[in-house]
Amino acid sequence: MSLLDYLKQTGDILGGPRLVGRAIRVLWWDEADDNGRYDPKWFLAEIRKYDAKSGKHSIKYKVVDLAEPQEQIFLALTLHHMSRYDPEALDCARPAQPWALASSNNHSA
């Protein structure tokens, strides 16, 4: 299977037309700063359309000052996030603590 065929199939497997209207955050690596470090940024967008022939999703970014506010992407080739919570908020989430096990003295006979 060619890479292009794989990407076409993956677009459908990842949700295809069922994702239209959903919010998505796409990770972009901006240009390097003066120290040569890159600052990754999440950009909020909406999935507007799915092209079953190409396997690409059309998205429109919510940020108005982007040079290209719309693009077609292969979801399999992007680092993206689909959740109602910002990716940064997930970094602050803490898992629940496990329940304490009952002491061995409390076993019934």
Protein backbone atom coordinates (compact mmCIF):
# COMPACT_ATOMS: atom_id res chain seq x y z
CA MET A 1 0.00 0.00 0.00
CA SER A 2 1.36 3.42 -0.90
CA LEU A 3 1.62 6.22 1.65
CA LEU A 4 -1.04 8.19 -0.20
CA ASP A 5 -3.45 5.25 -0.12
CA TYR A 6 -2.74 4.82 3.59
CA LEU A 7 -3.45 8.50 4.27
CA LYS A 8 -6.71 8.35 2.31
CA GLN A 9 -7.90 5.35 4.32
CA THR A 10 -6.76 6.87 7.60
CA GLY A 11 -8.82 10.02 7.02
CA ASP A 12 -11.93 7.86 6.90
CA ILE A 13 -10.88 5.68 9.84
CA LEU A 14 -10.22 8.75 12.01
CA GLY A 15 -13.76 9.99 11.48
CA GLY A 16 -14.11 11.16 7.90
CA PRO A 17 -17.33 13.15 7.44
CA ARG A 18 -18.45 12.50 11.04
CA LEU A 19 -15.90 15.09 12.20
CA VAL A 20 -17.38 17.97 10.21
CA GLY A 21 -18.37 20.75 12.60
CA ARG A 22 -16.07 19.57 15.39
CA ALA A 23 -13.48 21.78 17.01
CA ILE A 24 -9.86 20.72 16.64
CA ARG A 25 -6.62 22.12 17.96
CA VAL A 26 -3.58 21.76 15.73
CA LEU A 27 -0.04 22.04 17.06
CA TRP A 28 2.23 24.37 15.12
CA TRP A 29 5.93 24.89 15.62
CA ASP A 30 6.51 28.58 14.97
CA GLU A 31 9.76 30.04 13.76
CA ALA A 32 12.74 29.89 16.08
CA ASP A 33 13.25 32.76 18.49
CA ASP A 34 16.53 34.70 18.77
CA ASN A 35 18.01 31.89 20.88
CA GLY A 36 17.18 29.20 18.32
CA ARG A 37 14.37 27.70 20.42
CA TYR A 38 11.00 26.78 18.99
CA ASP A 39 7.77 27.57 20.79
CA PRO A 40 4.97 25.15 19.98
CA LYS A 41 1.49 26.67 19.90
CA TRP A 42 -1.97 25.17 19.68
CA PHE A 43 -4.35 26.79 17.20
CA LEU A 44 -8.09 26.29 17.45
CA ALA A 45 -9.92 25.46 14.24
CA GLU A 46 -13.18 23.96 13.02
CA ILE A 47 -13.38 21.01 10.67
CA ARG A 48 -15.46 22.32 7.77
CA LYS A 49 -15.42 19.54 5.19
CA TYR A 50 -14.13 16.06 4.43
CA ASP A 51 -13.00 15.01 0.97
CA ALA A 52 -13.42 11.24 0.76
CA LYS A 53 -11.49 11.10 -2.51
CA SER A 54 -8.33 12.66 -1.06
CA GLY A 55 -8.82 11.68 2.60
CA LYS A 56 -8.20 15.28 3.68
CA HIS A 57 -10.17 17.37 6.13
CA SER A 58 -10.67 21.08 5.42
CA ILE A 59 -10.22 23.20 8.51
CA LYS A 60 -10.68 26.89 9.24
CA TYR A 61 -8.63 28.44 12.01
CA LYS A 62 -10.34 30.68 14.57
CA VAL A 63 -7.31 33.00 14.70
CA VAL A 64 -7.99 35.88 12.33
CA ASP A 65 -4.43 37.13 11.84
CA LEU A 66 -3.08 33.98 10.15
CA ALA A 67 -1.86 34.35 6.59
CA GLU A 68 -3.67 31.12 5.64
CA PRO A 69 -6.79 30.82 7.84
CA GLN A 70 -7.94 27.69 5.98
CA GLU A 71 -6.13 24.57 4.90
CA GLN A 72 -6.64 20.95 3.98
CA ILE A 73 -4.85 18.46 6.19
CA PHE A 74 -4.27 14.76 6.57
CA LEU A 75 -5.19 14.20 10.22
CA ALA A 76 -2.70 11.33 10.39
CA LEU A 77 0.15 13.76 9.64
CA THR A 78 -0.78 16.39 12.22
CA LEU A 79 -0.42 16.54 15.94
CA HIS A 80 -3.95 17.47 16.84
CA HIS A 81 -6.27 17.47 19.81
CA MET A 82 -10.04 17.06 19.87
CA SER A 83 -11.44 17.69 23.32
CA ARG A 84 -13.48 20.32 25.06
CA TYR A 85 -10.44 21.10 27.21
CA ASP A 86 -7.37 23.02 26.06
CA PRO A 87 -4.28 20.80 25.77
CA GLU A 88 -2.56 23.00 28.36
CA ALA A 89 -5.36 22.29 30.85
CA LEU A 90 -4.71 18.57 30.49
CA ASP A 91 -1.11 19.14 31.63
CA CYS A 92 -2.50 20.37 34.97
CA ALA A 93 -4.90 17.46 35.45
CA ARG A 94 -4.05 15.04 38.22
CA PRO A 95 -5.28 11.45 38.22
CA ALA A 96 -7.48 10.33 41.08
CA GLN A 97 -5.72 8.56 43.90
CA PRO A 98 -6.32 4.80 44.13
CA TRP A 99 -8.69 3.62 46.78
CA ALA A 100 -7.05 2.40 49.94
CA LEU A 101 -7.11 -1.37 50.27
CA ALA A 102 -9.02 -2.79 53.21
CA SER A 103 -6.69 -3.95 55.97
CA SER A 104 -6.11 -7.68 56.18
CA ASN A 105 -7.63 -7.73 59.69
CA ASN A 106 -11.08 -6.87 58.34
CA HIS A 107 -11.59 -10.02 56.27
CA SER A 108 -14.71 -11.98 57.10
CA ALA A 109 -14.40 -15.70 57.69
